[in-house]
N, C-alpha and C. Protein backbone atom coordinates (compact mmCIF):
# COMPACT_ATOMS: atom_id res chain seq x y z
N UNK A 1 3.69 1.69 6.49
CA UNK A 1 3.02 0.46 6.13
C UNK A 1 1.83 0.25 7.05
N UNK A 2 0.84 -0.54 6.59
CA UNK A 2 -0.35 -0.83 7.38
C UNK A 2 -0.15 -2.12 8.15
N UNK A 3 -0.57 -2.12 9.42
CA UNK A 3 -0.46 -3.32 10.25
C UNK A 3 -1.76 -3.48 11.03
N UNK A 4 -2.11 -4.72 11.34
CA UNK A 4 -3.23 -4.95 12.23
C UNK A 4 -3.07 -6.29 12.92
N UNK A 5 -3.57 -6.35 14.14
CA UNK A 5 -3.55 -7.57 14.93
C UNK A 5 -4.91 -7.70 15.58
N UNK A 6 -5.04 -8.61 16.50
CA UNK A 6 -6.32 -8.76 17.18
C UNK A 6 -6.63 -7.59 18.10
N UNK A 7 -5.60 -6.87 18.51
CA UNK A 7 -5.81 -5.81 19.50
C UNK A 7 -5.58 -4.40 18.96
N UNK A 8 -4.90 -4.26 17.82
CA UNK A 8 -4.56 -2.92 17.36
C UNK A 8 -4.41 -2.88 15.84
N UNK A 9 -4.79 -1.72 15.25
CA UNK A 9 -4.66 -1.50 13.83
C UNK A 9 -4.05 -0.12 13.63
N UNK A 10 -3.25 0.04 12.58
CA UNK A 10 -2.71 1.36 12.33
C UNK A 10 -1.68 1.40 11.24
N UNK A 11 -1.03 2.57 11.12
CA UNK A 11 0.02 2.81 10.15
C UNK A 11 1.34 2.99 10.89
N UNK A 12 2.35 2.26 10.45
CA UNK A 12 3.70 2.41 10.98
C UNK A 12 4.48 3.29 10.01
N UNK A 13 4.95 4.45 10.48
CA UNK A 13 5.72 5.36 9.64
C UNK A 13 7.20 5.13 9.89
N UNK A 14 7.97 4.98 8.81
CA UNK A 14 9.39 4.68 8.90
C UNK A 14 10.20 5.77 8.21
N UNK A 15 11.45 5.99 8.67
CA UNK A 15 12.33 6.90 7.96
C UNK A 15 13.12 6.14 6.90
N UNK A 16 14.05 6.81 6.24
CA UNK A 16 14.76 6.18 5.13
C UNK A 16 15.64 5.02 5.56
N UNK A 17 16.01 4.97 6.82
CA UNK A 17 16.83 3.87 7.32
C UNK A 17 15.99 2.70 7.81
N UNK A 18 14.65 2.86 7.81
CA UNK A 18 13.76 1.81 8.26
C UNK A 18 13.39 1.90 9.72
N UNK A 19 13.85 2.95 10.40
CA UNK A 19 13.51 3.13 11.81
C UNK A 19 12.11 3.73 11.95
N UNK A 20 11.34 3.25 12.91
CA UNK A 20 9.99 3.75 13.10
C UNK A 20 10.01 5.16 13.67
N UNK A 21 9.22 6.05 13.05
CA UNK A 21 9.13 7.44 13.50
C UNK A 21 7.79 7.77 14.13
N UNK A 22 6.76 6.97 13.81
CA UNK A 22 5.44 7.27 14.36
C UNK A 22 4.53 6.06 14.15
N UNK A 23 3.49 6.01 14.96
CA UNK A 23 2.43 5.02 14.77
C UNK A 23 1.10 5.74 14.78
N UNK A 24 0.31 5.54 13.74
CA UNK A 24 -0.99 6.20 13.61
C UNK A 24 -2.07 5.15 13.83
N UNK A 25 -2.77 5.19 14.96
CA UNK A 25 -3.82 4.19 15.19
C UNK A 25 -5.00 4.39 14.25
N UNK A 26 -5.59 3.29 13.82
CA UNK A 26 -6.76 3.31 12.95
C UNK A 26 -7.90 2.61 13.69
N UNK A 27 -9.04 3.25 13.68
CA UNK A 27 -10.20 2.70 14.37
C UNK A 27 -11.28 2.31 13.36
N UNK A 28 -11.88 1.17 13.60
CA UNK A 28 -13.00 0.74 12.77
C UNK A 28 -12.61 -0.20 11.65
N UNK A 29 -11.93 0.32 10.62
CA UNK A 29 -11.68 -0.51 9.45
C UNK A 29 -10.32 -1.21 9.55
N UNK A 30 -10.17 -2.24 8.74
CA UNK A 30 -8.92 -3.00 8.67
C UNK A 30 -8.11 -2.52 7.46
N UNK A 31 -6.96 -1.89 7.66
CA UNK A 31 -6.16 -1.41 6.52
C UNK A 31 -5.58 -2.58 5.74
N UNK A 32 -5.62 -2.48 4.41
CA UNK A 32 -5.11 -3.55 3.57
C UNK A 32 -3.99 -3.08 2.64
N UNK A 33 -4.11 -1.85 2.11
CA UNK A 33 -3.11 -1.32 1.17
C UNK A 33 -2.84 0.14 1.47
N UNK A 34 -1.60 0.57 1.26
CA UNK A 34 -1.18 1.94 1.54
C UNK A 34 -0.42 2.49 0.34
N UNK A 35 -0.66 3.77 0.03
CA UNK A 35 0.10 4.47 -1.00
C UNK A 35 0.42 5.88 -0.49
N UNK A 36 1.62 6.36 -0.78
CA UNK A 36 2.04 7.69 -0.35
C UNK A 36 2.08 8.60 -1.56
N UNK A 37 1.44 9.75 -1.43
CA UNK A 37 1.31 10.69 -2.54
C UNK A 37 2.54 11.60 -2.62
N UNK A 38 2.68 12.31 -3.75
CA UNK A 38 3.81 13.22 -3.91
C UNK A 38 3.75 14.39 -2.92
N UNK A 39 2.56 14.71 -2.38
CA UNK A 39 2.46 15.75 -1.35
C UNK A 39 2.61 15.16 0.05
N UNK A 40 3.01 13.89 0.12
CA UNK A 40 3.28 13.15 1.36
C UNK A 40 2.02 12.76 2.13
N UNK A 41 0.84 12.99 1.55
CA UNK A 41 -0.37 12.45 2.18
C UNK A 41 -0.36 10.93 2.02
N UNK A 42 -1.06 10.25 2.92
CA UNK A 42 -1.07 8.79 2.97
C UNK A 42 -2.48 8.30 2.66
N UNK A 43 -2.59 7.45 1.67
CA UNK A 43 -3.88 6.91 1.25
C UNK A 43 -3.97 5.44 1.65
N UNK A 44 -5.04 5.07 2.32
CA UNK A 44 -5.20 3.72 2.86
C UNK A 44 -6.52 3.14 2.36
N UNK A 45 -6.48 1.91 1.85
CA UNK A 45 -7.69 1.20 1.43
C UNK A 45 -7.91 0.01 2.34
N UNK A 46 -9.16 -0.22 2.73
CA UNK A 46 -9.47 -1.34 3.60
C UNK A 46 -10.96 -1.47 3.82
N UNK A 47 -11.35 -2.48 4.61
CA UNK A 47 -12.75 -2.80 4.85
C UNK A 47 -13.12 -2.66 6.32
N UNK A 48 -14.37 -2.29 6.55
CA UNK A 48 -14.97 -2.39 7.87
C UNK A 48 -15.60 -3.77 8.00
N UNK A 49 -15.38 -4.48 9.08
CA UNK A 49 -16.03 -5.78 9.24
C UNK A 49 -17.50 -5.63 9.61
N UNK A 50 -18.34 -6.43 8.98
CA UNK A 50 -19.76 -6.52 9.36
C UNK A 50 -20.44 -5.16 9.40
N UNK A 51 -20.25 -4.38 8.35
CA UNK A 51 -20.88 -3.06 8.28
C UNK A 51 -21.68 -2.96 7.01
N UNK A 52 -22.90 -2.41 7.11
CA UNK A 52 -23.77 -2.31 5.95
C UNK A 52 -23.25 -1.27 4.96
N UNK A 53 -22.60 -0.24 5.45
CA UNK A 53 -22.01 0.75 4.55
C UNK A 53 -20.84 1.43 5.24
N UNK A 54 -19.83 1.75 4.44
CA UNK A 54 -18.64 2.41 4.97
C UNK A 54 -17.82 2.90 3.79
N UNK A 55 -16.82 3.70 4.08
CA UNK A 55 -15.91 4.18 3.05
C UNK A 55 -14.71 3.23 2.97
N UNK A 56 -14.25 2.99 1.74
CA UNK A 56 -13.16 2.05 1.52
C UNK A 56 -11.80 2.72 1.45
N UNK A 57 -11.76 4.01 1.16
CA UNK A 57 -10.50 4.74 0.97
C UNK A 57 -10.43 5.88 1.97
N UNK A 58 -9.28 6.00 2.63
CA UNK A 58 -9.09 7.01 3.68
C UNK A 58 -7.78 7.76 3.44
N UNK A 59 -7.83 9.06 3.65
CA UNK A 59 -6.67 9.92 3.40
C UNK A 59 -6.19 10.52 4.72
N UNK A 60 -4.86 10.42 4.93
CA UNK A 60 -4.23 10.95 6.15
C UNK A 60 -3.12 11.91 5.77
N UNK A 61 -2.84 12.85 6.67
CA UNK A 61 -1.70 13.73 6.48
C UNK A 61 -0.42 12.96 6.78
N UNK A 62 0.71 13.56 6.48
CA UNK A 62 2.00 12.90 6.71
C UNK A 62 2.27 12.69 8.20
N UNK A 63 1.55 13.44 9.04
CA UNK A 63 1.71 13.27 10.49
C UNK A 63 0.62 12.39 11.10
N UNK A 64 -0.31 11.90 10.25
CA UNK A 64 -1.30 10.96 10.74
C UNK A 64 -2.69 11.52 10.97
N UNK A 65 -2.91 12.81 10.68
CA UNK A 65 -4.24 13.38 10.84
C UNK A 65 -5.18 12.92 9.74
N UNK A 66 -6.42 12.63 10.09
CA UNK A 66 -7.40 12.16 9.11
C UNK A 66 -7.86 13.32 8.25
N UNK A 67 -7.78 13.19 6.93
CA UNK A 67 -8.14 14.25 6.00
C UNK A 67 -9.43 13.99 5.24
N UNK A 68 -9.83 12.73 5.15
CA UNK A 68 -11.06 12.44 4.41
C UNK A 68 -11.25 10.96 4.19
N UNK A 69 -12.49 10.58 3.82
CA UNK A 69 -12.84 9.19 3.52
C UNK A 69 -13.71 9.18 2.26
N UNK A 70 -13.46 8.19 1.38
CA UNK A 70 -14.08 8.19 0.07
C UNK A 70 -14.44 6.77 -0.37
N UNK A 71 -15.17 6.65 -1.45
CA UNK A 71 -15.56 5.41 -2.13
C UNK A 71 -16.44 4.54 -1.23
N UNK A 72 -17.74 4.82 -1.20
CA UNK A 72 -18.65 4.06 -0.34
C UNK A 72 -18.84 2.62 -0.80
N UNK A 73 -18.93 1.73 0.16
CA UNK A 73 -19.19 0.32 -0.11
C UNK A 73 -20.52 0.15 -0.85
N UNK A 74 -21.49 1.01 -0.55
CA UNK A 74 -22.82 0.90 -1.17
C UNK A 74 -22.79 1.17 -2.67
N UNK A 75 -21.68 1.73 -3.20
CA UNK A 75 -21.59 2.00 -4.63
C UNK A 75 -21.20 0.76 -5.43
N UNK A 76 -20.89 -0.35 -4.74
CA UNK A 76 -20.51 -1.58 -5.43
C UNK A 76 -21.76 -2.43 -5.72
N UNK A 77 -21.67 -3.33 -6.71
CA UNK A 77 -22.82 -4.16 -7.04
C UNK A 77 -23.29 -5.00 -5.86
N UNK A 78 -24.57 -5.27 -5.82
CA UNK A 78 -25.13 -6.12 -4.77
C UNK A 78 -24.48 -7.50 -4.82
N UNK A 79 -24.17 -8.03 -3.67
CA UNK A 79 -23.49 -9.31 -3.59
C UNK A 79 -22.00 -9.20 -3.35
N UNK A 80 -21.44 -7.98 -3.47
CA UNK A 80 -20.03 -7.76 -3.15
C UNK A 80 -19.85 -7.92 -1.64
N UNK A 81 -18.78 -8.61 -1.23
CA UNK A 81 -18.57 -8.86 0.20
C UNK A 81 -17.39 -8.05 0.74
N UNK A 82 -16.20 -8.30 0.23
CA UNK A 82 -14.99 -7.63 0.71
C UNK A 82 -14.26 -7.00 -0.47
N UNK A 83 -14.56 -5.76 -0.82
CA UNK A 83 -13.95 -5.17 -2.01
C UNK A 83 -12.43 -5.07 -1.95
N UNK A 84 -11.88 -4.69 -0.78
CA UNK A 84 -10.44 -4.47 -0.67
C UNK A 84 -9.89 -5.37 0.42
N UNK A 85 -9.01 -6.30 0.01
CA UNK A 85 -8.42 -7.24 0.96
C UNK A 85 -6.90 -7.27 0.77
N UNK A 86 -6.19 -7.88 1.74
CA UNK A 86 -4.77 -8.08 1.58
C UNK A 86 -4.50 -8.95 0.36
N UNK A 87 -3.35 -8.78 -0.26
CA UNK A 87 -3.00 -9.57 -1.43
C UNK A 87 -2.91 -8.72 -2.67
N UNK A 88 -2.40 -9.30 -3.74
CA UNK A 88 -2.13 -8.51 -4.95
C UNK A 88 -3.31 -8.44 -5.90
N UNK A 89 -4.47 -8.99 -5.54
CA UNK A 89 -5.61 -8.86 -6.45
C UNK A 89 -6.39 -7.57 -6.20
N UNK A 90 -6.09 -6.84 -5.13
CA UNK A 90 -6.63 -5.50 -4.91
C UNK A 90 -5.47 -4.58 -4.55
N UNK A 91 -5.64 -3.28 -4.80
CA UNK A 91 -4.54 -2.37 -4.51
C UNK A 91 -5.03 -0.93 -4.52
N UNK A 92 -4.15 -0.01 -4.11
CA UNK A 92 -4.39 1.43 -4.26
C UNK A 92 -3.10 2.07 -4.72
N UNK A 93 -3.22 2.99 -5.69
CA UNK A 93 -2.08 3.73 -6.24
C UNK A 93 -2.45 5.20 -6.27
N UNK A 94 -1.47 6.09 -6.09
CA UNK A 94 -1.72 7.53 -6.18
C UNK A 94 -0.59 8.19 -6.96
N UNK A 95 -0.94 9.25 -7.70
CA UNK A 95 0.07 9.99 -8.44
C UNK A 95 -0.56 10.87 -9.51
N UNK A 96 0.02 12.05 -9.72
CA UNK A 96 -0.45 12.92 -10.79
C UNK A 96 -1.89 13.36 -10.65
N UNK A 97 -2.37 13.51 -9.42
CA UNK A 97 -3.75 13.92 -9.19
C UNK A 97 -4.76 12.80 -9.29
N UNK A 98 -4.29 11.56 -9.44
CA UNK A 98 -5.17 10.42 -9.65
C UNK A 98 -4.99 9.41 -8.51
N UNK A 99 -6.10 8.88 -8.03
CA UNK A 99 -6.11 7.75 -7.10
C UNK A 99 -6.72 6.56 -7.85
N UNK A 100 -6.01 5.44 -7.87
CA UNK A 100 -6.49 4.25 -8.58
C UNK A 100 -6.71 3.14 -7.56
N UNK A 101 -7.90 2.57 -7.57
CA UNK A 101 -8.24 1.45 -6.69
C UNK A 101 -8.67 0.28 -7.57
N UNK A 102 -8.07 -0.87 -7.36
CA UNK A 102 -8.60 -2.10 -7.96
C UNK A 102 -9.25 -2.89 -6.83
N UNK A 103 -10.49 -3.28 -7.03
CA UNK A 103 -11.28 -3.86 -5.95
C UNK A 103 -12.10 -5.04 -6.44
N UNK A 104 -12.38 -5.96 -5.53
CA UNK A 104 -13.31 -7.06 -5.82
C UNK A 104 -14.71 -6.46 -5.97
N UNK A 105 -15.42 -6.93 -6.97
CA UNK A 105 -16.69 -6.27 -7.28
C UNK A 105 -17.69 -7.27 -7.86
N UNK A 106 -18.81 -7.45 -7.14
CA UNK A 106 -19.87 -8.30 -7.63
C UNK A 106 -19.99 -9.62 -6.89
N UNK A 107 -21.11 -10.33 -7.06
CA UNK A 107 -21.30 -11.63 -6.41
C UNK A 107 -20.22 -12.62 -6.84
N UNK A 108 -19.64 -13.31 -5.88
CA UNK A 108 -18.62 -14.29 -6.18
C UNK A 108 -17.23 -13.73 -6.34
N UNK A 109 -17.06 -12.41 -6.14
CA UNK A 109 -15.76 -11.80 -6.39
C UNK A 109 -14.72 -12.16 -5.33
N UNK A 110 -15.15 -12.76 -4.21
CA UNK A 110 -14.18 -13.19 -3.22
C UNK A 110 -13.43 -14.45 -3.65
N UNK A 111 -14.01 -15.19 -4.59
CA UNK A 111 -13.36 -16.42 -5.05
C UNK A 111 -13.04 -16.40 -6.54
N UNK A 112 -13.76 -15.61 -7.33
CA UNK A 112 -13.51 -15.51 -8.77
C UNK A 112 -12.81 -14.20 -9.08
N UNK A 113 -12.18 -14.14 -10.25
CA UNK A 113 -11.45 -12.94 -10.66
C UNK A 113 -12.41 -11.92 -11.25
N UNK A 114 -13.21 -11.32 -10.37
CA UNK A 114 -14.18 -10.29 -10.76
C UNK A 114 -13.75 -8.99 -10.09
N UNK A 115 -13.23 -8.07 -10.88
CA UNK A 115 -12.62 -6.87 -10.34
C UNK A 115 -13.18 -5.61 -11.02
N UNK A 116 -12.95 -4.50 -10.34
CA UNK A 116 -13.34 -3.21 -10.88
C UNK A 116 -12.18 -2.25 -10.71
N UNK A 117 -11.94 -1.44 -11.73
CA UNK A 117 -10.91 -0.40 -11.68
C UNK A 117 -11.61 0.94 -11.46
N UNK A 118 -11.24 1.62 -10.37
CA UNK A 118 -11.87 2.89 -10.02
C UNK A 118 -10.81 3.97 -9.99
N UNK A 119 -11.03 5.05 -10.71
CA UNK A 119 -10.12 6.20 -10.72
C UNK A 119 -10.84 7.38 -10.07
N UNK A 120 -10.15 8.04 -9.13
CA UNK A 120 -10.70 9.20 -8.44
C UNK A 120 -9.69 10.34 -8.50
N UNK A 121 -10.15 11.56 -8.23
CA UNK A 121 -9.20 12.66 -8.02
C UNK A 121 -8.86 12.74 -6.54
N UNK A 122 -8.01 13.68 -6.17
CA UNK A 122 -7.55 13.76 -4.79
C UNK A 122 -8.63 14.24 -3.82
N UNK A 123 -9.78 14.66 -4.35
CA UNK A 123 -10.91 15.01 -3.49
C UNK A 123 -11.90 13.86 -3.35
N UNK A 124 -11.58 12.72 -3.96
CA UNK A 124 -12.44 11.56 -3.85
C UNK A 124 -13.54 11.50 -4.88
N UNK A 125 -13.54 12.42 -5.84
CA UNK A 125 -14.55 12.39 -6.90
C UNK A 125 -14.23 11.29 -7.90
N UNK A 126 -15.24 10.49 -8.26
CA UNK A 126 -15.05 9.40 -9.19
C UNK A 126 -14.83 9.94 -10.61
N UNK A 127 -13.75 9.49 -11.25
CA UNK A 127 -13.46 9.87 -12.62
C UNK A 127 -13.94 8.80 -13.59
N UNK A 128 -13.58 7.54 -13.32
CA UNK A 128 -14.04 6.42 -14.15
C UNK A 128 -14.18 5.18 -13.27
N UNK A 129 -15.10 4.30 -13.66
CA UNK A 129 -15.23 2.97 -13.06
C UNK A 129 -15.36 1.98 -14.21
N UNK A 130 -14.46 1.01 -14.25
CA UNK A 130 -14.36 0.09 -15.38
C UNK A 130 -14.21 -1.32 -14.87
N UNK A 131 -14.91 -2.27 -15.49
CA UNK A 131 -14.74 -3.67 -15.12
C UNK A 131 -13.33 -4.13 -15.48
N UNK A 132 -12.79 -5.01 -14.65
CA UNK A 132 -11.44 -5.53 -14.83
C UNK A 132 -11.46 -7.02 -14.52
N UNK A 133 -12.39 -7.72 -15.15
CA UNK A 133 -12.63 -9.13 -14.83
C UNK A 133 -11.63 -10.05 -15.54
N UNK A 134 -11.43 -11.22 -14.91
CA UNK A 134 -10.71 -12.34 -15.51
C UNK A 134 -9.27 -12.00 -15.93
N UNK A 135 -8.64 -11.09 -15.18
CA UNK A 135 -7.23 -10.79 -15.40
C UNK A 135 -6.44 -11.37 -14.24
N UNK A 136 -5.47 -12.22 -14.52
CA UNK A 136 -4.68 -12.86 -13.48
C UNK A 136 -3.20 -12.50 -13.64
N UNK A 137 -2.51 -12.49 -12.52
CA UNK A 137 -1.08 -12.20 -12.51
C UNK A 137 -0.78 -10.88 -13.22
N UNK A 138 -1.43 -9.83 -12.74
CA UNK A 138 -1.22 -8.50 -13.28
C UNK A 138 -0.55 -7.60 -12.24
N UNK A 139 0.22 -6.64 -12.70
CA UNK A 139 0.73 -5.60 -11.82
C UNK A 139 0.31 -4.25 -12.39
N UNK A 140 -0.02 -3.30 -11.52
CA UNK A 140 -0.44 -1.97 -11.91
C UNK A 140 0.64 -0.96 -11.54
N UNK A 141 0.86 0.00 -12.43
CA UNK A 141 1.85 1.05 -12.20
C UNK A 141 1.23 2.39 -12.57
N UNK A 142 1.35 3.37 -11.67
CA UNK A 142 0.84 4.72 -11.91
C UNK A 142 2.02 5.69 -11.86
N UNK A 143 2.19 6.49 -12.90
CA UNK A 143 3.31 7.41 -12.96
C UNK A 143 2.97 8.72 -12.27
N UNK A 144 4.01 9.56 -12.07
CA UNK A 144 3.81 10.84 -11.39
C UNK A 144 2.90 11.78 -12.18
N UNK A 145 2.80 11.57 -13.50
CA UNK A 145 1.90 12.41 -14.29
C UNK A 145 0.53 11.78 -14.50
N UNK A 146 0.22 10.72 -13.75
CA UNK A 146 -1.13 10.16 -13.74
C UNK A 146 -1.42 9.13 -14.80
N UNK A 147 -0.40 8.65 -15.53
CA UNK A 147 -0.62 7.61 -16.54
C UNK A 147 -0.64 6.24 -15.87
N UNK A 148 -1.61 5.43 -16.23
CA UNK A 148 -1.80 4.11 -15.61
C UNK A 148 -1.42 3.01 -16.58
N UNK A 149 -0.57 2.09 -16.11
CA UNK A 149 -0.12 0.95 -16.91
C UNK A 149 -0.41 -0.34 -16.14
N UNK A 150 -0.57 -1.42 -16.89
CA UNK A 150 -0.62 -2.74 -16.29
C UNK A 150 0.25 -3.69 -17.09
N UNK A 151 0.79 -4.68 -16.40
CA UNK A 151 1.69 -5.65 -17.02
C UNK A 151 1.22 -7.05 -16.69
N UNK A 152 1.15 -7.91 -17.70
CA UNK A 152 0.87 -9.32 -17.46
C UNK A 152 2.16 -9.98 -16.98
N UNK A 153 2.13 -10.52 -15.77
CA UNK A 153 3.34 -11.04 -15.14
C UNK A 153 3.69 -12.45 -15.58
N UNK A 154 2.88 -13.03 -16.45
CA UNK A 154 3.16 -14.36 -16.97
C UNK A 154 4.01 -14.22 -18.23
N UNK A 155 5.21 -14.80 -18.20
CA UNK A 155 6.15 -14.66 -19.30
C UNK A 155 5.81 -15.56 -20.48
N UNK A 156 6.66 -15.53 -21.51
CA UNK A 156 7.94 -14.81 -21.54
C UNK A 156 7.86 -13.39 -22.08
N UNK A 157 6.70 -12.95 -22.59
CA UNK A 157 6.63 -11.65 -23.25
C UNK A 157 6.40 -10.51 -22.27
N UNK A 158 5.59 -10.73 -21.22
CA UNK A 158 5.24 -9.71 -20.23
C UNK A 158 4.67 -8.45 -20.90
N UNK A 159 3.55 -8.57 -21.65
CA UNK A 159 3.01 -7.41 -22.36
C UNK A 159 2.56 -6.31 -21.40
N UNK A 160 2.66 -5.07 -21.89
CA UNK A 160 2.30 -3.89 -21.11
C UNK A 160 1.19 -3.14 -21.84
N UNK A 161 0.22 -2.63 -21.06
CA UNK A 161 -0.92 -1.89 -21.60
C UNK A 161 -1.07 -0.58 -20.84
N UNK A 162 -1.51 0.45 -21.55
CA UNK A 162 -1.78 1.75 -20.94
C UNK A 162 -3.28 2.02 -20.98
N UNK A 163 -3.81 2.53 -19.85
CA UNK A 163 -5.24 2.80 -19.76
C UNK A 163 -5.56 4.12 -20.42
N UNK A 164 -6.58 4.10 -21.28
CA UNK A 164 -7.06 5.33 -21.93
C UNK A 164 -8.29 5.83 -21.19
N UNK A 165 -8.20 6.94 -20.46
CA UNK A 165 -9.38 7.45 -19.75
C UNK A 165 -10.53 7.82 -20.68
N UNK A 166 -10.21 8.24 -21.91
CA UNK A 166 -11.26 8.67 -22.83
C UNK A 166 -12.14 7.51 -23.27
N UNK A 167 -11.52 6.37 -23.59
CA UNK A 167 -12.28 5.22 -24.07
C UNK A 167 -12.47 4.16 -22.98
N UNK A 168 -11.78 4.32 -21.84
CA UNK A 168 -11.79 3.35 -20.73
C UNK A 168 -11.42 1.96 -21.22
N UNK A 169 -10.40 1.92 -22.06
CA UNK A 169 -9.88 0.67 -22.57
C UNK A 169 -8.36 0.62 -22.35
N UNK A 170 -7.80 -0.60 -22.49
CA UNK A 170 -6.37 -0.80 -22.33
C UNK A 170 -5.73 -0.93 -23.71
N UNK A 171 -4.71 -0.10 -23.96
CA UNK A 171 -4.04 -0.10 -25.25
C UNK A 171 -2.64 -0.68 -25.10
N UNK A 172 -2.26 -1.67 -25.93
CA UNK A 172 -0.91 -2.22 -25.85
C UNK A 172 0.13 -1.18 -26.23
N UNK A 173 1.27 -1.20 -25.52
CA UNK A 173 2.34 -0.25 -25.81
C UNK A 173 3.66 -1.00 -25.99
N UNK A 174 4.60 -0.34 -26.66
CA UNK A 174 5.93 -0.92 -26.85
C UNK A 174 6.67 -1.00 -25.53
N UNK A 175 7.52 -2.01 -25.37
CA UNK A 175 8.28 -2.21 -24.15
C UNK A 175 9.61 -2.87 -24.48
N UNK A 176 10.57 -2.80 -23.56
CA UNK A 176 11.85 -3.49 -23.78
C UNK A 176 11.64 -5.01 -23.84
N UNK A 177 12.38 -5.65 -24.69
CA UNK A 177 12.25 -7.10 -24.90
C UNK A 177 12.74 -7.84 -23.65
N UNK A 178 11.97 -8.87 -23.27
CA UNK A 178 12.34 -9.77 -22.16
C UNK A 178 12.50 -9.07 -20.82
N UNK A 179 11.81 -7.95 -20.66
CA UNK A 179 11.84 -7.24 -19.39
C UNK A 179 10.41 -7.08 -18.87
N UNK A 180 10.24 -7.11 -17.55
CA UNK A 180 8.92 -7.01 -16.94
C UNK A 180 8.78 -5.67 -16.24
N UNK A 181 7.65 -5.02 -16.44
CA UNK A 181 7.38 -3.74 -15.79
C UNK A 181 7.34 -3.93 -14.28
N UNK A 182 8.13 -3.14 -13.58
CA UNK A 182 8.25 -3.27 -12.13
C UNK A 182 7.60 -2.12 -11.39
N UNK A 183 7.77 -0.89 -11.88
CA UNK A 183 7.23 0.26 -11.17
C UNK A 183 7.47 1.53 -11.96
N UNK A 184 7.39 2.66 -11.26
CA UNK A 184 7.62 3.95 -11.90
C UNK A 184 8.50 4.81 -11.00
N UNK A 185 9.16 5.77 -11.61
CA UNK A 185 9.98 6.74 -10.90
C UNK A 185 9.69 8.09 -11.53
N UNK A 186 8.90 8.92 -10.83
CA UNK A 186 8.39 10.15 -11.42
C UNK A 186 7.60 9.79 -12.68
N UNK A 187 8.04 10.26 -13.86
CA UNK A 187 7.30 9.95 -15.09
C UNK A 187 7.92 8.83 -15.89
N UNK A 188 9.00 8.23 -15.39
CA UNK A 188 9.65 7.12 -16.10
C UNK A 188 9.09 5.78 -15.62
N UNK A 189 9.25 4.77 -16.48
CA UNK A 189 8.88 3.40 -16.13
C UNK A 189 10.13 2.61 -15.78
N UNK A 190 10.01 1.75 -14.78
CA UNK A 190 11.14 0.94 -14.33
C UNK A 190 10.85 -0.51 -14.68
N UNK A 191 11.79 -1.13 -15.41
CA UNK A 191 11.67 -2.53 -15.81
C UNK A 191 12.73 -3.37 -15.10
N UNK A 192 12.39 -4.63 -14.87
CA UNK A 192 13.33 -5.53 -14.22
C UNK A 192 13.59 -6.73 -15.12
N UNK A 193 14.79 -7.32 -14.97
CA UNK A 193 15.13 -8.52 -15.72
C UNK A 193 16.27 -9.24 -15.02
N UNK A 194 16.36 -10.57 -15.17
CA UNK A 194 17.47 -11.31 -14.55
C UNK A 194 18.77 -11.05 -15.30
N UNK A 195 19.85 -10.96 -14.53
CA UNK A 195 21.15 -10.67 -15.12
C UNK A 195 22.24 -11.39 -14.34
N UNK A 196 22.71 -12.53 -14.88
CA UNK A 196 23.76 -13.33 -14.21
C UNK A 196 23.36 -13.68 -12.77
N UNK A 197 22.15 -14.16 -12.63
CA UNK A 197 21.69 -14.58 -11.32
C UNK A 197 21.22 -13.46 -10.43
N UNK A 198 21.27 -12.23 -10.89
CA UNK A 198 20.81 -11.08 -10.12
C UNK A 198 19.65 -10.42 -10.85
N UNK A 199 18.92 -9.59 -10.12
CA UNK A 199 17.83 -8.83 -10.73
C UNK A 199 18.32 -7.42 -11.01
N UNK A 200 18.20 -6.99 -12.24
CA UNK A 200 18.66 -5.66 -12.65
C UNK A 200 17.46 -4.79 -12.98
N UNK A 201 17.52 -3.52 -12.59
CA UNK A 201 16.49 -2.54 -12.89
C UNK A 201 17.01 -1.55 -13.93
N UNK A 202 16.15 -1.19 -14.86
CA UNK A 202 16.49 -0.17 -15.83
C UNK A 202 15.34 0.80 -16.00
N UNK A 203 15.67 2.07 -16.23
CA UNK A 203 14.68 3.14 -16.34
C UNK A 203 14.48 3.48 -17.81
N UNK A 204 13.20 3.66 -18.21
CA UNK A 204 12.85 3.99 -19.59
C UNK A 204 11.79 5.10 -19.60
N UNK A 205 11.83 5.98 -20.60
CA UNK A 205 10.74 6.94 -20.75
C UNK A 205 9.46 6.23 -21.16
N UNK A 206 8.34 6.84 -20.90
CA UNK A 206 7.08 6.25 -21.30
C UNK A 206 6.98 6.18 -22.83
N UNK A 207 6.36 5.12 -23.34
CA UNK A 207 6.23 4.99 -24.81
C UNK A 207 5.26 6.02 -25.37
């Protein structure tokens, strides 16, 4: 996980029991979101404070070595201030050879729902950049085979959409009734729903 304070920034690596195994110091930028790839590389998205240009996405090895930096701040529209911040309105996902970043983009994007969806390969090459404006209470899920889904978290229907790279549009897909998309497990989708006061998870193949 990514942590930062007034004196230190970095990645805390944990084992399966939650015990800390390593700390990777980060210099310069403030980490906001972390994703771990199937090859165990660690992808971190964050901002440099008060910098005219910098990279927003950084790749580390499983032991903490820096492998690369991608997605320049200068590639965003003029007037963008903080593309990647803490919170669920920006994120980074990795899987199936795809890196997905949702970022604040454009003048006023720090206060309005003005977002951009950016897809890259594992070398940092841009595959698609698509506007993602005026979407609220959304969750993004990326499967191990690189399929991207989003779910509207406002009930009671919780509709699910799949991103089409060819048309760069979102297509509605069939989903289990009264269940909300929670995440993915390899190529399957994981849905959650309340069950006698508890939260139950169920696994489904992609539609």
